[in-house]
Amino acid sequence: MQGDFVEIRVSDNGGGIREDIRSGIFDPFFTTKDVGKGKGRGLAISHSVIVRKQGGTIGFESKLGE
């Protein structure tokens, strides 16, 4: 199916991600939460499924304080 695609957008009510740590957002165990509060697996798993297994793309937008 050439030309067919799906776009999914998700938002949250977090405080944004600092510029200096954004490059690691899809790394396993990455979390912006305090130690012991987050597992940091969700985006790494999403990246694996979407990019590695399906050949898709994944990205994010973040504004500190929003």
N, C-alpha and C. Protein backbone atom coordinates (compact mmCIF):
# COMPACT_ATOMS: atom_id res chain seq x y z
N MET A 1 0.84 -1.18 0.00
CA MET A 1 0.00 0.00 0.00
C MET A 1 0.88 1.24 0.00
N GLN A 2 1.22 1.70 -1.11
CA GLN A 2 2.08 2.87 -1.22
C GLN A 2 1.27 4.13 -0.93
N GLY A 3 1.81 4.99 -0.07
CA GLY A 3 1.16 6.25 0.24
C GLY A 3 0.21 6.21 1.43
N ASP A 4 -0.09 5.07 1.95
CA ASP A 4 -0.97 4.98 3.11
C ASP A 4 -0.15 5.11 4.39
N PHE A 5 -0.69 5.81 5.37
CA PHE A 5 0.01 5.97 6.64
C PHE A 5 -1.00 6.26 7.73
N VAL A 6 -0.52 6.18 8.96
CA VAL A 6 -1.31 6.51 10.14
C VAL A 6 -0.50 7.49 10.96
N GLU A 7 -1.15 8.51 11.48
CA GLU A 7 -0.50 9.45 12.38
C GLU A 7 -1.25 9.44 13.68
N ILE A 8 -0.53 9.24 14.75
CA ILE A 8 -1.12 9.22 16.08
C ILE A 8 -0.45 10.31 16.89
N ARG A 9 -1.23 11.14 17.55
CA ARG A 9 -0.70 12.20 18.40
C ARG A 9 -1.18 11.98 19.82
N VAL A 10 -0.27 12.16 20.76
CA VAL A 10 -0.58 11.97 22.17
C VAL A 10 -0.07 13.20 22.92
N SER A 11 -0.81 13.65 23.89
CA SER A 11 -0.35 14.77 24.70
C SER A 11 -0.45 14.39 26.18
N ASP A 12 0.26 15.15 26.99
CA ASP A 12 0.19 14.91 28.43
C ASP A 12 0.22 16.25 29.17
N ASN A 13 0.16 16.18 30.47
CA ASN A 13 0.14 17.41 31.27
C ASN A 13 1.43 17.58 32.06
N GLY A 14 2.52 16.98 31.57
CA GLY A 14 3.81 17.12 32.23
C GLY A 14 4.40 18.50 32.03
N GLY A 15 5.55 18.73 32.66
CA GLY A 15 6.19 20.04 32.64
C GLY A 15 7.18 20.24 31.51
N GLY A 16 7.19 19.35 30.54
CA GLY A 16 8.13 19.47 29.43
C GLY A 16 9.44 18.77 29.73
N ILE A 17 10.26 18.63 28.70
CA ILE A 17 11.54 17.93 28.83
C ILE A 17 12.66 18.92 28.52
N ARG A 18 13.61 19.02 29.44
CA ARG A 18 14.73 19.95 29.25
C ARG A 18 15.49 19.64 27.96
N GLU A 19 15.97 20.66 27.31
CA GLU A 19 16.70 20.54 26.04
C GLU A 19 17.91 19.62 26.17
N ASP A 20 18.64 19.69 27.27
CA ASP A 20 19.88 18.93 27.42
C ASP A 20 19.68 17.42 27.58
N ILE A 21 18.47 16.95 27.81
CA ILE A 21 18.24 15.51 27.97
C ILE A 21 17.33 14.92 26.89
N ARG A 22 16.91 15.74 25.96
CA ARG A 22 15.98 15.28 24.91
C ARG A 22 16.56 14.20 24.01
N SER A 23 17.86 14.19 23.80
CA SER A 23 18.45 13.22 22.89
C SER A 23 18.31 11.79 23.39
N GLY A 24 18.06 11.59 24.67
CA GLY A 24 17.95 10.25 25.22
C GLY A 24 16.53 9.77 25.43
N ILE A 25 15.55 10.50 24.93
CA ILE A 25 14.16 10.21 25.26
C ILE A 25 13.69 8.82 24.84
N PHE A 26 14.26 8.25 23.79
CA PHE A 26 13.85 6.92 23.35
C PHE A 26 14.78 5.81 23.86
N ASP A 27 15.73 6.17 24.72
CA ASP A 27 16.64 5.18 25.31
C ASP A 27 15.91 4.36 26.37
N PRO A 28 16.24 3.07 26.46
CA PRO A 28 15.64 2.26 27.54
C PRO A 28 15.97 2.86 28.91
N PHE A 29 15.00 2.86 29.76
CA PHE A 29 15.08 3.32 31.15
C PHE A 29 15.19 4.84 31.30
N PHE A 30 15.03 5.58 30.21
CA PHE A 30 15.01 7.05 30.31
C PHE A 30 13.74 7.47 31.03
N THR A 31 13.85 8.34 31.99
CA THR A 31 12.68 8.89 32.66
C THR A 31 13.01 10.27 33.18
N THR A 32 12.03 11.13 33.22
CA THR A 32 12.20 12.45 33.81
C THR A 32 11.70 12.46 35.24
N LYS A 33 11.20 11.33 35.69
CA LYS A 33 10.66 11.22 37.05
C LYS A 33 11.78 10.95 38.05
N ASP A 34 11.48 11.16 39.33
CA ASP A 34 12.43 10.88 40.39
C ASP A 34 12.77 9.40 40.44
N VAL A 35 13.93 9.07 40.99
CA VAL A 35 14.37 7.69 41.12
C VAL A 35 13.29 6.87 41.83
N GLY A 36 12.96 5.73 41.23
CA GLY A 36 11.95 4.85 41.81
C GLY A 36 10.52 5.19 41.42
N LYS A 37 10.32 6.28 40.70
CA LYS A 37 8.97 6.71 40.33
C LYS A 37 8.59 6.34 38.90
N GLY A 38 9.57 6.13 38.04
CA GLY A 38 9.28 5.80 36.65
C GLY A 38 10.15 4.67 36.17
N LYS A 39 9.64 3.88 35.26
CA LYS A 39 10.40 2.74 34.73
C LYS A 39 11.15 3.10 33.44
N GLY A 40 10.66 4.10 32.70
CA GLY A 40 11.36 4.55 31.51
C GLY A 40 11.35 3.56 30.37
N ARG A 41 10.31 2.79 30.21
CA ARG A 41 10.27 1.78 29.15
C ARG A 41 9.31 2.13 28.03
N GLY A 42 8.32 2.94 28.27
CA GLY A 42 7.27 3.20 27.31
C GLY A 42 7.74 3.72 25.97
N LEU A 43 8.54 4.76 25.96
CA LEU A 43 8.98 5.33 24.69
C LEU A 43 10.02 4.46 24.00
N ALA A 44 10.84 3.75 24.77
CA ALA A 44 11.81 2.84 24.17
C ALA A 44 11.10 1.69 23.45
N ILE A 45 10.07 1.16 24.07
CA ILE A 45 9.29 0.09 23.45
C ILE A 45 8.56 0.62 22.22
N SER A 46 7.96 1.79 22.34
CA SER A 46 7.26 2.40 21.20
C SER A 46 8.21 2.60 20.03
N HIS A 47 9.41 3.10 20.30
CA HIS A 47 10.41 3.32 19.26
C HIS A 47 10.78 2.01 18.59
N SER A 48 10.99 0.97 19.38
CA SER A 48 11.34 -0.33 18.83
C SER A 48 10.27 -0.86 17.89
N VAL A 49 9.03 -0.79 18.31
CA VAL A 49 7.93 -1.31 17.49
C VAL A 49 7.72 -0.47 16.24
N ILE A 50 7.66 0.83 16.40
CA ILE A 50 7.33 1.71 15.27
C ILE A 50 8.48 1.84 14.28
N VAL A 51 9.69 2.07 14.77
CA VAL A 51 10.82 2.34 13.89
C VAL A 51 11.52 1.07 13.44
N ARG A 52 11.94 0.26 14.40
CA ARG A 52 12.73 -0.92 14.05
C ARG A 52 11.91 -2.02 13.40
N LYS A 53 10.73 -2.27 13.93
CA LYS A 53 9.95 -3.40 13.42
C LYS A 53 9.02 -3.03 12.27
N GLN A 54 8.53 -1.80 12.23
CA GLN A 54 7.57 -1.41 11.20
C GLN A 54 8.13 -0.43 10.18
N GLY A 55 9.34 0.09 10.41
CA GLY A 55 9.95 1.02 9.47
C GLY A 55 9.31 2.40 9.46
N GLY A 56 8.65 2.73 10.55
CA GLY A 56 7.98 4.02 10.65
C GLY A 56 8.88 5.07 11.27
N THR A 57 8.28 6.17 11.66
CA THR A 57 9.01 7.25 12.33
C THR A 57 8.27 7.62 13.60
N ILE A 58 9.01 8.16 14.54
CA ILE A 58 8.43 8.62 15.79
C ILE A 58 9.20 9.87 16.21
N GLY A 59 8.50 10.82 16.74
CA GLY A 59 9.13 12.05 17.18
C GLY A 59 8.34 12.66 18.32
N PHE A 60 8.81 13.79 18.81
CA PHE A 60 8.10 14.46 19.89
C PHE A 60 8.36 15.95 19.85
N GLU A 61 7.47 16.67 20.45
CA GLU A 61 7.62 18.11 20.65
C GLU A 61 7.47 18.36 22.13
N SER A 62 8.27 19.23 22.67
CA SER A 62 8.19 19.53 24.09
C SER A 62 8.56 20.98 24.33
N LYS A 63 7.79 21.61 25.19
CA LYS A 63 8.06 22.98 25.60
C LYS A 63 8.17 22.98 27.10
N LEU A 64 9.32 23.41 27.61
CA LEU A 64 9.55 23.42 29.04
C LEU A 64 8.50 24.30 29.72
N GLY A 65 7.90 23.76 30.75
CA GLY A 65 6.86 24.49 31.47
C GLY A 65 5.46 24.24 30.94
N GLU A 66 5.34 23.49 29.84
CA GLU A 66 4.01 23.20 29.27
C GLU A 66 3.80 21.72 29.18
